[in-house]
Amino acid sequence: MRKSPAQAHGNKPKPGNKDALKAARLIQEALALHKNGQLVDAAERYLQVLSIDASNFDALHFLAMIRRGQHQLEEALNLVERAVKINPANLPVHATYGNLMMDFGRHEAAISSYERFLSVMPDFPEVINNKGSALSALGRDTEALACYERALQLQPDYLDVYFNRGNLYLDMRRYADALSDYQQVLRLHPRHFQALNNQGNALQKLERLPEAAQSYQLGLSIAPGNAELHSSLANAFAKLGNLQAACQYYAKSLELQAEGFTRHNAALQLAILHYLYGNQANVEPLLNVASGMLENTGIKDQGSLIYCVYMLKIQAWWQQFRSQPQLHAGSLADILYVIGESHMLSTHQLAVNYAGKLWQCKGHWIEGCTQWRIGNPEANHYKQRLAAFLQSFPNGATVLITIGEIDCRLDGGILKAWKKTSAISLQQFIHDTIAAYLQQLVVLTQGRQQKIIISGVPAANLADGVGSVEERAEFGNLLSLFNQSLQQQALQLGMDFLDVFSMTDAGNGISNQQWHIDVHHLRPDGVQQAFNHHVLRLAQG
């Protein structure tokens, strides 16, 4: 809480007490220095006061505020806890204690402190805003939004509330609302580079990628040394297909010593791009950096965690199984082009047998791509990237498409979407999703004579105890129905089908644990096994 140190003090000197008089003089000097922003000198005076009177409330409280601002959190907490014991009736000290609890990630304790303050002063917007942030961190979104709304009623131009609420809307996937709040922040403070970064994130989610890139670039014109902005701009360029620029900005983010998730994710994304584009020597060092995210229990981006574990396991597999047949440079007909989300990574660089020939797989990545996004009639960057890849391949090329796995998750994808609507049967919902996806492929490959192989989705390698018995049975049914419908419709349209389900299924949609590399993905030799035994070829004539 931003409070002036010139508040009512809790310590008055006793007449005739020289030490007390000296402490009183020093505290007045400290408060004046503190108010003027001379924090080092103010802290020195507070320490002098405490050397005279270790229980001086004002010195303890205000020195704690300074130490918190200097990120000396343990010392700040010790000071403020002593202050609370001395004068528990003082309201501002509870707000300070709440802020420190937020710093330590103790959000329930923070809320208790803020509520103690607000029980006496219910209309203090800064503390209401901070309580909203604590509630948001606990996933109590409705309560957090109510706090932000109340703070804005009390102070309509409160910039921090708009920023915090925008961040919450972003987490809630209410991207248009998030964008509106970030725009309000920028009206109040046009050089707020964090708002420019987060505005870009909202624009990305709204499929307004060029505008997102412009927002990041404007942020970098204000804060050129901000690693997060470099990483965000790299994300936008990757989605726009400008992979050279994406690599450049991810590398710059790492060069600037980004911290935490920003650093780890930049290293992960760069490792994947180097893996796909042949810079193998760079992959392992980057993955070593990226693996730091596995120690962060507070990461909300579960997709990045999945990718990180997966890439580490792929790297380990290749180090163990480099003895596959070596291919010499040949004609373009020997290349099997692969497009997909994460499953594509298991096939990249792999040698597979198909149609009596040995093929070298070459991966092309569309992160986050799902069949419903491809089948969506509205324009989006997933369809644009798919179209660009297909157009870049020669006429007559053979193409394996591994889009589909994100559609089939226990906690998301088709199952979650169907439960929200449930206007039609699950089987019909699956059929319609696949039909729209495959029809887009027909349109995109028209006149190109490209041989399309559609990959199925493997059984799920769920750990024991994940989901109830009923949920696991429902999920297994989804996987079976999905693969049946995908196979049937692909073959009807003249496409081939790579069956990775029947060879991985233990009979209930759950993995037989023979071919998986993690929860979701096959080992590269699992892909080879699917090509060896489970390709369904169209009947001749």
Protein backbone atom coordinates (compact mmCIF):
# COMPACT_ATOMS: atom_id res chain seq x y z
CA MET A 1 0.00 0.00 0.00
CA ARG A 2 1.38 3.40 -0.94
CA LYS A 3 1.16 5.41 2.27
CA SER A 4 3.06 8.53 3.24
CA PRO A 5 5.41 7.82 6.13
CA ALA A 6 4.15 11.05 7.72
CA GLN A 7 1.34 9.26 9.55
CA ALA A 8 0.38 9.31 13.21
CA HIS A 9 3.26 7.72 15.10
CA GLY A 10 3.03 5.03 17.74
CA ASN A 11 5.95 6.20 19.90
CA LYS A 12 6.20 9.41 21.96
CA PRO A 13 9.27 10.26 24.02
CA LYS A 14 9.05 10.50 27.78
CA PRO A 15 10.01 13.95 29.16
CA GLY A 16 13.63 14.10 30.18
CA ASN A 17 14.62 10.95 28.38
CA LYS A 18 17.58 11.94 26.17
CA ASP A 19 17.58 8.72 24.15
CA ALA A 20 13.88 9.04 23.52
CA LEU A 21 14.32 12.65 22.41
CA LYS A 22 17.14 11.63 20.06
CA ALA A 23 14.98 8.82 18.63
CA ALA A 24 12.11 11.28 18.11
CA ARG A 25 14.42 13.66 16.23
CA LEU A 26 15.80 10.85 14.07
CA ILE A 27 12.35 9.53 13.26
CA GLN A 28 11.26 12.96 12.06
CA GLU A 29 14.36 13.20 9.87
CA ALA A 30 13.74 9.69 8.55
CA LEU A 31 10.11 10.42 7.73
CA ALA A 32 11.05 13.57 5.82
CA LEU A 33 13.74 11.74 3.86
CA HIS A 34 11.37 8.85 3.20
CA LYS A 35 8.68 11.20 1.92
CA ASN A 36 11.22 12.83 -0.45
CA GLY A 37 12.30 9.46 -1.85
CA GLN A 38 15.74 9.48 -0.20
CA LEU A 39 15.32 5.90 0.88
CA VAL A 40 18.93 4.96 1.66
CA ASP A 41 19.30 7.89 4.04
CA ALA A 42 15.86 7.26 5.51
CA ALA A 43 16.72 3.60 6.14
CA GLU A 44 19.93 4.66 7.90
CA ARG A 45 17.92 6.92 10.25
CA TYR A 46 15.38 4.17 10.96
CA LEU A 47 18.22 1.82 11.89
CA GLN A 48 19.65 4.44 14.22
CA VAL A 49 16.25 4.75 15.88
CA LEU A 50 16.06 0.99 16.32
CA SER A 51 19.53 0.92 17.88
CA ILE A 52 18.12 3.24 20.53
CA ASP A 53 14.63 1.76 20.78
CA ALA A 54 14.22 -1.71 19.23
CA SER A 55 10.43 -1.51 19.64
CA ASN A 56 9.90 1.77 17.83
CA PHE A 57 6.79 0.99 15.74
CA ASP A 58 7.30 3.65 13.05
CA ALA A 59 10.92 2.70 12.46
CA LEU A 60 10.02 -0.99 12.19
CA HIS A 61 7.07 -0.40 9.86
CA PHE A 62 8.62 2.13 7.51
CA LEU A 63 11.97 0.34 7.34
CA ALA A 64 10.03 -2.79 6.41
CA MET A 65 8.41 -0.88 3.54
CA ILE A 66 11.83 0.26 2.31
CA ARG A 67 13.33 -3.22 2.58
CA ARG A 68 10.40 -4.66 0.64
CA GLY A 69 11.02 -2.15 -2.15
CA GLN A 70 14.68 -3.25 -2.13
CA HIS A 71 13.55 -6.92 -2.44
CA GLN A 72 15.03 -7.77 0.96
CA LEU A 73 11.89 -9.69 1.79
CA GLU A 74 13.05 -11.78 4.74
CA GLU A 75 14.26 -8.70 6.61
CA ALA A 76 11.09 -6.82 5.68
CA LEU A 77 8.91 -9.64 7.01
CA ASN A 78 10.84 -9.81 10.28
CA LEU A 79 10.44 -6.05 10.76
CA VAL A 80 6.74 -5.94 9.97
CA GLU A 81 5.95 -8.93 12.19
CA ARG A 82 7.60 -7.11 15.10
CA ALA A 83 5.60 -3.99 14.27
CA VAL A 84 2.29 -5.91 14.21
CA LYS A 85 2.99 -7.35 17.68
CA ILE A 86 3.70 -3.87 19.06
CA ASN A 87 0.66 -2.13 17.59
CA PRO A 88 -1.90 -4.61 16.16
CA ALA A 89 -4.54 -1.86 16.01
CA ASN A 90 -2.58 0.03 13.34
CA LEU A 91 -4.35 -0.54 9.99
CA PRO A 92 -1.56 0.36 7.51
CA VAL A 93 0.79 -2.23 9.01
CA HIS A 94 -1.73 -4.96 8.16
CA ALA A 95 -1.80 -3.76 4.55
CA THR A 96 2.00 -3.89 4.47
CA TYR A 97 1.94 -7.37 5.96
CA GLY A 98 -0.59 -8.43 3.31
CA ASN A 99 1.69 -7.14 0.56
CA LEU A 100 4.58 -9.17 1.95
CA MET A 101 2.39 -12.26 2.12
CA MET A 102 1.69 -11.73 -1.60
CA ASP A 103 5.44 -11.52 -2.24
CA PHE A 104 5.90 -14.88 -0.53
CA GLY A 105 2.97 -16.43 -2.40
CA ARG A 106 0.94 -16.82 0.80
CA HIS A 107 -2.27 -15.53 -0.73
CA GLU A 108 -4.72 -16.71 1.92
CA ALA A 109 -2.71 -14.92 4.60
CA ALA A 110 -2.60 -11.81 2.40
CA ILE A 111 -6.38 -11.83 2.04
CA SER A 112 -6.80 -12.12 5.83
CA SER A 113 -4.57 -9.08 6.36
CA TYR A 114 -6.35 -7.03 3.70
CA GLU A 115 -9.73 -7.96 5.16
CA ARG A 116 -8.62 -6.85 8.62
CA PHE A 117 -7.75 -3.46 7.12
CA LEU A 118 -10.97 -3.26 5.10
CA SER A 119 -13.15 -4.21 8.04
CA VAL A 120 -12.39 -0.74 9.42
CA MET A 121 -11.69 1.18 6.18
CA PRO A 122 -13.84 -0.56 3.54
CA ASP A 123 -13.45 2.10 0.85
CA PHE A 124 -9.68 2.12 0.38
CA PRO A 125 -9.15 1.31 -3.33
CA GLU A 126 -5.50 0.30 -3.13
CA VAL A 127 -6.13 -2.40 -0.55
CA ILE A 128 -9.24 -3.57 -2.43
CA ASN A 129 -7.12 -3.88 -5.58
CA ASN A 130 -4.45 -5.86 -3.74
CA LYS A 131 -7.09 -8.18 -2.29
CA GLY A 132 -8.34 -8.72 -5.85
CA SER A 133 -4.85 -9.76 -6.93
CA ALA A 134 -4.62 -12.25 -4.07
CA LEU A 135 -8.02 -13.71 -4.96
CA SER A 136 -7.00 -13.92 -8.61
CA ALA A 137 -3.84 -15.83 -7.69
CA LEU A 138 -6.04 -18.39 -5.91
CA GLY A 139 -8.31 -18.79 -8.94
CA ARG A 140 -11.23 -17.08 -7.20
CA ASP A 141 -11.99 -15.13 -10.33
CA THR A 142 -15.52 -13.91 -9.57
CA GLU A 143 -14.48 -12.49 -6.20
CA ALA A 144 -11.39 -10.89 -7.74
CA LEU A 145 -13.47 -9.21 -10.45
CA ALA A 146 -15.83 -7.87 -7.79
CA CYS A 147 -12.85 -6.31 -5.99
CA TYR A 148 -11.57 -4.68 -9.16
CA GLU A 149 -15.05 -3.35 -9.97
CA ARG A 150 -15.36 -1.86 -6.48
CA ALA A 151 -11.91 -0.25 -6.68
CA LEU A 152 -12.83 1.37 -10.01
CA GLN A 153 -16.09 2.68 -8.56
CA LEU A 154 -14.04 4.41 -5.89
CA GLN A 155 -11.25 5.55 -8.25
CA PRO A 156 -12.29 5.39 -11.95
CA ASP A 157 -8.82 6.29 -13.26
CA TYR A 158 -6.97 3.64 -11.20
CA LEU A 159 -4.41 2.38 -13.72
CA ASP A 160 -3.20 -0.61 -11.70
CA VAL A 161 -6.72 -1.99 -11.42
CA TYR A 162 -7.24 -1.91 -15.19
CA PHE A 163 -3.90 -3.65 -15.66
CA ASN A 164 -4.60 -6.33 -13.04
CA ARG A 165 -8.11 -6.94 -14.31
CA GLY A 166 -6.79 -7.20 -17.87
CA ASN A 167 -4.37 -9.89 -16.70
CA LEU A 168 -7.21 -11.77 -15.03
CA TYR A 169 -9.37 -11.53 -18.15
CA LEU A 170 -6.44 -12.88 -20.16
CA ASP A 171 -6.21 -15.91 -17.84
CA MET A 172 -9.99 -16.34 -18.12
CA ARG A 173 -9.73 -16.30 -21.94
CA ARG A 174 -11.91 -13.21 -22.10
CA TYR A 175 -9.52 -11.69 -24.60
CA ALA A 176 -11.68 -8.82 -25.85
CA ASP A 177 -12.27 -7.67 -22.26
CA ALA A 178 -8.55 -7.95 -21.53
CA LEU A 179 -7.75 -5.87 -24.61
CA SER A 180 -10.21 -3.17 -23.51
CA ASP A 181 -8.55 -2.92 -20.09
CA TYR A 182 -5.03 -2.73 -21.52
CA GLN A 183 -6.17 0.00 -23.90
CA GLN A 184 -7.52 1.91 -20.89
CA VAL A 185 -4.12 1.56 -19.17
CA LEU A 186 -2.44 2.96 -22.28
CA ARG A 187 -4.84 5.89 -22.44
CA LEU A 188 -3.81 6.77 -18.91
CA HIS A 189 -0.11 5.94 -19.42
CA PRO A 190 0.91 5.61 -23.12
CA ARG A 191 4.44 4.43 -22.23
CA HIS A 192 3.33 1.53 -20.01
CA PHE A 193 5.42 -1.12 -21.76
CA GLN A 194 4.02 -4.01 -19.67
CA ALA A 195 0.53 -3.07 -20.89
CA LEU A 196 1.86 -2.97 -24.46
CA ASN A 197 3.25 -6.48 -23.99
CA ASN A 198 0.01 -7.83 -22.55
CA GLN A 199 -2.07 -5.97 -25.11
CA GLY A 200 -0.05 -7.83 -27.74
CA ASN A 201 -0.82 -11.11 -25.99
CA ALA A 202 -4.55 -10.38 -26.10
CA LEU A 203 -4.30 -9.40 -29.78
CA GLN A 204 -2.51 -12.69 -30.51
CA LYS A 205 -5.34 -14.62 -28.91
CA LEU A 206 -7.82 -12.62 -31.01
CA GLU A 207 -5.89 -13.64 -34.17
CA ARG A 208 -4.80 -10.05 -34.80
CA LEU A 209 -1.15 -11.00 -35.21
CA PRO A 210 0.20 -8.00 -37.17
CA GLU A 211 -1.32 -5.66 -34.56
CA ALA A 212 0.18 -7.79 -31.79
CA ALA A 213 3.62 -7.50 -33.36
CA GLN A 214 3.18 -3.72 -33.60
CA SER A 215 2.25 -3.55 -29.91
CA TYR A 216 5.39 -5.47 -28.93
CA GLN A 217 7.56 -3.34 -31.19
CA LEU A 218 6.16 -0.17 -29.64
CA GLY A 219 6.91 -1.64 -26.22
CA LEU A 220 10.49 -2.34 -27.29
CA SER A 221 10.89 1.25 -28.47
CA ILE A 222 10.20 2.24 -24.85
CA ALA A 223 11.96 -0.65 -23.07
CA PRO A 224 14.52 -2.13 -25.52
CA GLY A 225 16.10 -4.18 -22.76
CA ASN A 226 12.93 -5.97 -21.73
CA ALA A 227 13.39 -9.70 -22.34
CA GLU A 228 9.68 -10.53 -22.12
CA LEU A 229 8.84 -8.17 -24.99
CA HIS A 230 11.52 -9.78 -27.16
CA SER A 231 10.11 -13.22 -26.38
CA SER A 232 6.53 -12.10 -27.04
CA LEU A 233 7.50 -10.59 -30.39
CA ALA A 234 9.27 -13.85 -31.24
CA ASN A 235 6.02 -15.74 -30.53
CA ALA A 236 4.11 -13.45 -32.89
CA PHE A 237 6.68 -13.83 -35.67
CA ALA A 238 6.64 -17.62 -35.25
CA LYS A 239 2.86 -17.66 -35.74
CA LEU A 240 3.19 -15.35 -38.73
CA GLY A 241 5.67 -17.80 -40.28
CA ASN A 242 8.69 -15.49 -40.02
CA LEU A 243 10.87 -18.06 -38.30
CA GLN A 244 14.13 -16.25 -38.90
CA ALA A 245 12.84 -13.22 -36.99
CA ALA A 246 11.39 -15.51 -34.31
CA CYS A 247 14.80 -17.10 -33.74
CA GLN A 248 16.41 -13.67 -33.60
CA TYR A 249 14.07 -12.36 -30.91
CA TYR A 250 14.10 -15.53 -28.80
CA ALA A 251 17.90 -15.39 -28.86
CA LYS A 252 17.81 -11.71 -27.87
CA SER A 253 15.54 -12.54 -24.94
CA LEU A 254 18.07 -15.09 -23.71
CA GLU A 255 20.95 -12.70 -24.30
CA LEU A 256 19.20 -10.15 -22.06
CA GLN A 257 19.16 -12.72 -19.27
CA ALA A 258 15.42 -13.12 -19.08
CA GLU A 259 14.34 -14.61 -15.78
CA GLY A 260 11.93 -17.35 -14.79
CA PHE A 261 9.37 -18.65 -17.24
CA THR A 262 10.20 -16.01 -19.86
CA ARG A 263 13.77 -17.33 -20.08
CA HIS A 264 12.84 -20.99 -19.91
CA ASN A 265 10.12 -20.74 -22.54
CA ALA A 266 12.29 -18.70 -24.92
CA ALA A 267 14.94 -21.43 -24.66
CA LEU A 268 12.33 -24.13 -25.28
CA GLN A 269 10.84 -22.45 -28.34
CA LEU A 270 14.29 -21.79 -29.76
CA ALA A 271 15.33 -25.41 -29.10
CA ILE A 272 12.32 -26.67 -31.08
CA LEU A 273 13.08 -24.36 -34.01
CA HIS A 274 16.75 -25.41 -34.04
CA TYR A 275 15.66 -29.06 -33.87
CA LEU A 276 13.36 -28.63 -36.86
CA TYR A 277 15.77 -26.62 -38.98
CA GLY A 278 18.87 -28.71 -38.57
CA ASN A 279 20.94 -26.91 -35.92
CA GLN A 280 21.18 -30.01 -33.75
CA ALA A 281 24.25 -28.85 -31.79
CA ASN A 282 22.21 -26.00 -30.29
CA VAL A 283 19.30 -28.12 -29.11
CA GLU A 284 20.72 -29.77 -25.99
CA PRO A 285 22.18 -26.58 -24.41
CA LEU A 286 18.87 -24.78 -24.98
CA LEU A 287 16.88 -27.65 -23.48
CA ASN A 288 19.15 -27.56 -20.44
CA VAL A 289 18.05 -23.95 -19.92
CA ALA A 290 14.41 -24.73 -20.68
CA SER A 291 14.32 -27.56 -18.15
CA GLY A 292 14.40 -24.93 -15.40
CA MET A 293 10.64 -24.53 -15.91
CA LEU A 294 10.10 -28.04 -14.54
CA GLU A 295 11.03 -26.75 -11.08
CA ASN A 296 8.42 -23.97 -11.21
CA THR A 297 5.21 -25.22 -9.59
CA GLY A 298 3.37 -21.98 -10.35
CA ILE A 299 3.46 -22.16 -14.16
CA LYS A 300 0.01 -21.76 -15.71
CA ASP A 301 1.14 -22.73 -19.20
CA GLN A 302 0.83 -26.50 -18.98
CA GLY A 303 1.42 -26.80 -22.73
CA SER A 304 4.99 -25.55 -22.35
CA LEU A 305 5.64 -28.05 -19.56
CA ILE A 306 4.37 -30.87 -21.78
CA TYR A 307 6.57 -29.70 -24.67
CA CYS A 308 9.62 -29.39 -22.42
CA VAL A 309 9.34 -32.93 -21.02
CA TYR A 310 8.57 -34.27 -24.48
CA MET A 311 11.55 -32.58 -26.16
CA LEU A 312 13.91 -33.80 -23.44
CA LYS A 313 12.70 -37.36 -24.04
CA ILE A 314 12.95 -37.06 -27.82
CA GLN A 315 16.51 -35.78 -27.45
CA ALA A 316 17.36 -38.73 -25.19
CA TRP A 317 15.78 -41.17 -27.66
CA TRP A 318 17.84 -39.86 -30.56
CA GLN A 319 21.04 -40.08 -28.51
CA GLN A 320 20.29 -43.75 -27.87
CA PHE A 321 18.94 -44.76 -31.27
CA ARG A 322 21.11 -43.07 -33.88
CA SER A 323 21.64 -46.36 -35.71
CA GLN A 324 18.66 -46.05 -38.07
CA PRO A 325 19.44 -46.43 -41.80
CA GLN A 326 21.34 -43.47 -43.18
CA LEU A 327 19.74 -41.78 -46.16
CA HIS A 328 21.67 -40.15 -48.94
CA ALA A 329 20.49 -36.94 -50.53
CA GLY A 330 17.92 -37.97 -53.09
CA SER A 331 15.00 -36.63 -55.04
CA LEU A 332 12.15 -34.68 -53.47
CA ALA A 333 10.04 -37.84 -53.83
CA ASP A 334 12.05 -39.38 -50.98
CA ILE A 335 10.91 -36.73 -48.52
CA LEU A 336 7.83 -37.33 -46.43
CA TYR A 337 6.60 -33.89 -45.41
CA VAL A 338 4.98 -33.86 -41.97
CA ILE A 339 2.69 -31.11 -40.67
CA GLY A 340 1.34 -31.06 -37.17
CA GLU A 341 1.37 -29.98 -33.60
CA SER A 342 3.52 -31.77 -31.04
CA HIS A 343 3.18 -35.30 -32.53
CA MET A 344 5.04 -34.05 -35.58
CA LEU A 345 8.21 -33.79 -33.48
CA SER A 346 8.40 -37.58 -33.02
CA THR A 347 8.53 -38.05 -36.79
CA HIS A 348 11.06 -35.35 -37.68
CA GLN A 349 14.33 -36.75 -39.12
CA LEU A 350 12.88 -40.27 -38.93
CA ALA A 351 13.30 -42.88 -41.69
CA VAL A 352 10.04 -44.76 -42.33
CA ASN A 353 8.87 -47.41 -44.78
CA TYR A 354 5.79 -46.50 -46.79
CA ALA A 355 4.43 -47.82 -50.09
CA GLY A 356 7.51 -49.95 -50.63
CA LYS A 357 9.95 -47.06 -50.24
CA LEU A 358 12.15 -45.58 -47.54
CA TRP A 359 11.21 -41.99 -46.71
CA GLN A 360 12.93 -39.24 -44.74
CA CYS A 361 10.46 -37.31 -42.57
CA LYS A 362 10.71 -33.54 -42.50
CA GLY A 363 8.64 -31.81 -39.82
CA HIS A 364 6.70 -28.55 -40.10
CA TRP A 365 5.29 -27.17 -36.85
CA ILE A 366 1.98 -25.41 -36.14
CA GLU A 367 1.93 -24.99 -32.37
CA GLY A 368 -1.49 -25.33 -30.74
CA CYS A 369 -3.20 -26.47 -33.94
CA THR A 370 -6.40 -28.51 -33.68
CA GLN A 371 -8.87 -29.91 -36.17
CA TRP A 372 -11.64 -27.58 -35.07
CA ARG A 373 -9.36 -24.58 -35.73
CA ILE A 374 -8.63 -25.86 -39.23
CA GLY A 375 -12.33 -26.53 -39.81
CA ASN A 376 -13.39 -23.15 -38.41
CA PRO A 377 -14.88 -21.08 -41.23
CA GLU A 378 -13.27 -17.91 -39.85
CA ALA A 379 -9.73 -16.95 -40.84
CA ASN A 380 -7.02 -17.85 -38.34
CA HIS A 381 -3.27 -18.25 -38.38
CA TYR A 382 -3.49 -22.05 -38.02
CA LYS A 383 -5.23 -22.37 -41.39
CA GLN A 384 -2.87 -19.80 -42.89
CA ARG A 385 0.20 -21.74 -41.73
CA LEU A 386 -1.24 -25.04 -42.98
CA ALA A 387 -2.01 -23.50 -46.37
CA ALA A 388 1.46 -21.97 -46.58
CA PHE A 389 3.14 -25.29 -45.82
CA LEU A 390 1.08 -27.23 -48.35
CA GLN A 391 1.73 -24.62 -51.02
CA SER A 392 5.47 -24.75 -50.32
CA PHE A 393 5.62 -28.51 -51.00
CA PRO A 394 6.00 -29.74 -54.59
CA ASN A 395 3.02 -30.91 -56.60
CA GLY A 396 2.69 -34.64 -56.08
CA ALA A 397 4.44 -34.57 -52.69
CA THR A 398 3.51 -37.10 -50.01
CA VAL A 399 2.35 -35.40 -46.80
CA LEU A 400 1.63 -36.83 -43.35
CA ILE A 401 -0.65 -34.63 -41.22
CA THR A 402 -0.61 -35.26 -37.45
CA ILE A 403 -3.13 -32.61 -36.39
CA GLY A 404 -5.62 -34.01 -33.93
CA GLU A 405 -4.07 -34.89 -30.60
CA ILE A 406 -5.13 -31.71 -28.78
CA ASP A 407 -8.71 -32.47 -29.79
CA CYS A 408 -8.47 -35.64 -27.71
CA ARG A 409 -7.65 -34.80 -24.09
CA LEU A 410 -9.31 -35.90 -20.90
CA ASP A 411 -9.62 -32.32 -19.64
CA GLY A 412 -10.13 -30.44 -22.91
CA GLY A 413 -10.64 -30.58 -26.64
CA ILE A 414 -13.70 -32.25 -28.14
CA LEU A 415 -14.89 -33.83 -24.90
CA LYS A 416 -14.97 -30.52 -23.03
CA ALA A 417 -16.51 -28.65 -25.97
CA TRP A 418 -19.19 -31.31 -26.44
CA LYS A 419 -20.17 -31.17 -22.77
CA LYS A 420 -20.70 -27.42 -23.08
CA THR A 421 -23.18 -27.87 -25.94
CA SER A 422 -24.46 -31.47 -25.72
CA ALA A 423 -27.09 -30.58 -28.33
CA ILE A 424 -26.02 -33.58 -30.40
CA SER A 425 -24.44 -36.93 -29.64
CA LEU A 426 -20.70 -37.18 -29.01
CA GLN A 427 -20.37 -39.34 -32.13
CA GLN A 428 -22.03 -36.68 -34.26
CA PHE A 429 -19.94 -33.93 -32.66
CA ILE A 430 -16.77 -35.86 -33.52
CA HIS A 431 -17.97 -36.53 -37.05
CA ASP A 432 -18.78 -32.89 -37.72
CA THR A 433 -15.44 -31.65 -36.34
CA ILE A 434 -13.49 -34.09 -38.52
CA ALA A 435 -15.63 -33.43 -41.60
CA ALA A 436 -14.98 -29.67 -41.45
CA TYR A 437 -11.25 -30.28 -40.97
CA LEU A 438 -10.89 -32.73 -43.83
CA GLN A 439 -12.95 -30.56 -46.16
CA GLN A 440 -10.51 -27.72 -45.59
CA LEU A 441 -7.68 -30.09 -46.52
CA VAL A 442 -9.49 -30.97 -49.73
CA VAL A 443 -9.77 -27.28 -50.59
CA LEU A 444 -6.15 -26.52 -49.71
CA THR A 445 -4.72 -29.41 -51.76
CA GLN A 446 -7.01 -29.03 -54.76
CA GLY A 447 -5.06 -29.34 -58.00
CA ARG A 448 -1.77 -30.18 -56.29
CA GLN A 449 -1.93 -33.99 -56.64
CA GLN A 450 -0.45 -34.32 -53.17
CA LYS A 451 -0.76 -37.69 -51.42
CA ILE A 452 -2.23 -36.99 -47.98
CA ILE A 453 -1.82 -39.40 -45.07
CA ILE A 454 -3.91 -38.57 -42.01
CA SER A 455 -2.51 -39.72 -38.69
CA GLY A 456 -4.83 -41.03 -36.02
CA VAL A 457 -4.45 -40.31 -32.31
CA PRO A 458 -2.80 -42.87 -30.01
CA ALA A 459 -4.39 -44.32 -26.90
CA ALA A 460 -3.78 -42.25 -23.78
CA ASN A 461 -0.91 -43.15 -21.47
CA LEU A 462 -2.74 -41.98 -18.34
CA ALA A 463 -1.22 -42.58 -14.94
CA ASP A 464 -3.20 -44.64 -12.46
CA GLY A 465 -5.65 -42.49 -10.57
CA VAL A 466 -6.03 -39.82 -13.26
CA GLY A 467 -9.76 -39.34 -13.69
CA SER A 468 -12.53 -41.42 -12.19
CA VAL A 469 -13.46 -44.85 -13.56
CA GLU A 470 -16.37 -43.25 -15.40
CA GLU A 471 -14.21 -40.44 -16.83
CA ARG A 472 -11.56 -42.85 -18.07
CA ALA A 473 -14.20 -45.02 -19.72
CA GLU A 474 -15.78 -41.96 -21.37
CA PHE A 475 -12.37 -40.80 -22.57
CA GLY A 476 -11.51 -44.21 -23.98
CA ASN A 477 -14.79 -44.19 -25.86
CA LEU A 478 -13.96 -40.75 -27.27
CA LEU A 479 -10.58 -41.96 -28.58
CA SER A 480 -12.12 -45.00 -30.21
CA LEU A 481 -14.94 -43.01 -31.85
CA PHE A 482 -12.51 -40.30 -32.97
CA ASN A 483 -10.13 -42.71 -34.68
CA GLN A 484 -12.94 -44.67 -36.32
CA SER A 485 -14.53 -41.53 -37.74
CA LEU A 486 -11.20 -40.05 -38.83
CA GLN A 487 -10.21 -43.24 -40.63
CA GLN A 488 -13.57 -43.66 -42.33
CA GLN A 489 -13.85 -40.09 -43.54
CA ALA A 490 -10.21 -39.85 -44.65
CA LEU A 491 -10.49 -42.98 -46.76
CA GLN A 492 -13.76 -41.82 -48.30
CA LEU A 493 -12.01 -38.63 -49.47
CA GLY A 494 -9.13 -40.56 -51.07
CA MET A 495 -6.65 -39.89 -48.28
CA ASP A 496 -4.59 -42.54 -46.52
CA PHE A 497 -4.74 -43.23 -42.79
CA LEU A 498 -1.95 -43.99 -40.32
CA ASP A 499 -3.39 -46.08 -37.50
CA VAL A 500 -1.54 -45.32 -34.27
CA PHE A 501 -4.50 -46.18 -32.04
CA SER A 502 -5.02 -49.93 -32.42
CA MET A 503 -1.33 -50.69 -31.82
CA THR A 504 -1.29 -48.60 -28.62
CA ASP A 505 -4.73 -49.48 -27.23
CA ALA A 506 -5.00 -51.91 -24.32
CA GLY A 507 -8.67 -52.36 -25.17
CA ASN A 508 -10.22 -49.40 -23.36
CA GLY A 509 -8.53 -46.41 -24.96
CA ILE A 510 -5.73 -46.51 -22.39
CA SER A 511 -2.17 -47.21 -23.50
CA ASN A 512 -0.68 -50.69 -23.49
CA GLN A 513 2.58 -48.82 -22.62
CA GLN A 514 4.53 -50.34 -25.50
CA TRP A 515 5.13 -47.29 -27.68
CA HIS A 516 4.53 -44.09 -25.69
CA ILE A 517 7.33 -41.68 -24.83
CA ASP A 518 5.16 -39.71 -22.36
CA VAL A 519 1.46 -39.25 -21.54
CA HIS A 520 0.44 -38.08 -25.03
CA HIS A 521 3.10 -38.94 -27.60
CA LEU A 522 4.67 -41.92 -29.35
CA ARG A 523 8.37 -42.63 -29.37
CA PRO A 524 9.90 -42.20 -32.83
CA ASP A 525 10.20 -46.00 -33.18
CA GLY A 526 6.47 -46.13 -32.39
CA VAL A 527 5.87 -44.05 -35.50
CA GLN A 528 8.06 -46.44 -37.47
CA GLN A 529 6.04 -49.35 -36.09
CA ALA A 530 2.80 -47.69 -37.21
CA PHE A 531 4.15 -47.31 -40.76
CA ASN A 532 5.42 -50.88 -40.82
CA HIS A 533 2.18 -52.51 -39.76
CA HIS A 534 -0.74 -50.14 -39.58
CA VAL A 535 -0.97 -48.09 -42.75
CA LEU A 536 -4.28 -48.74 -44.48
CA ARG A 537 -3.78 -48.40 -48.20
CA LEU A 538 -6.59 -47.65 -50.58
CA ALA A 539 -7.71 -50.51 -52.75
CA GLN A 540 -6.63 -50.18 -56.34
CA GLY A 541 -9.29 -49.53 -58.93
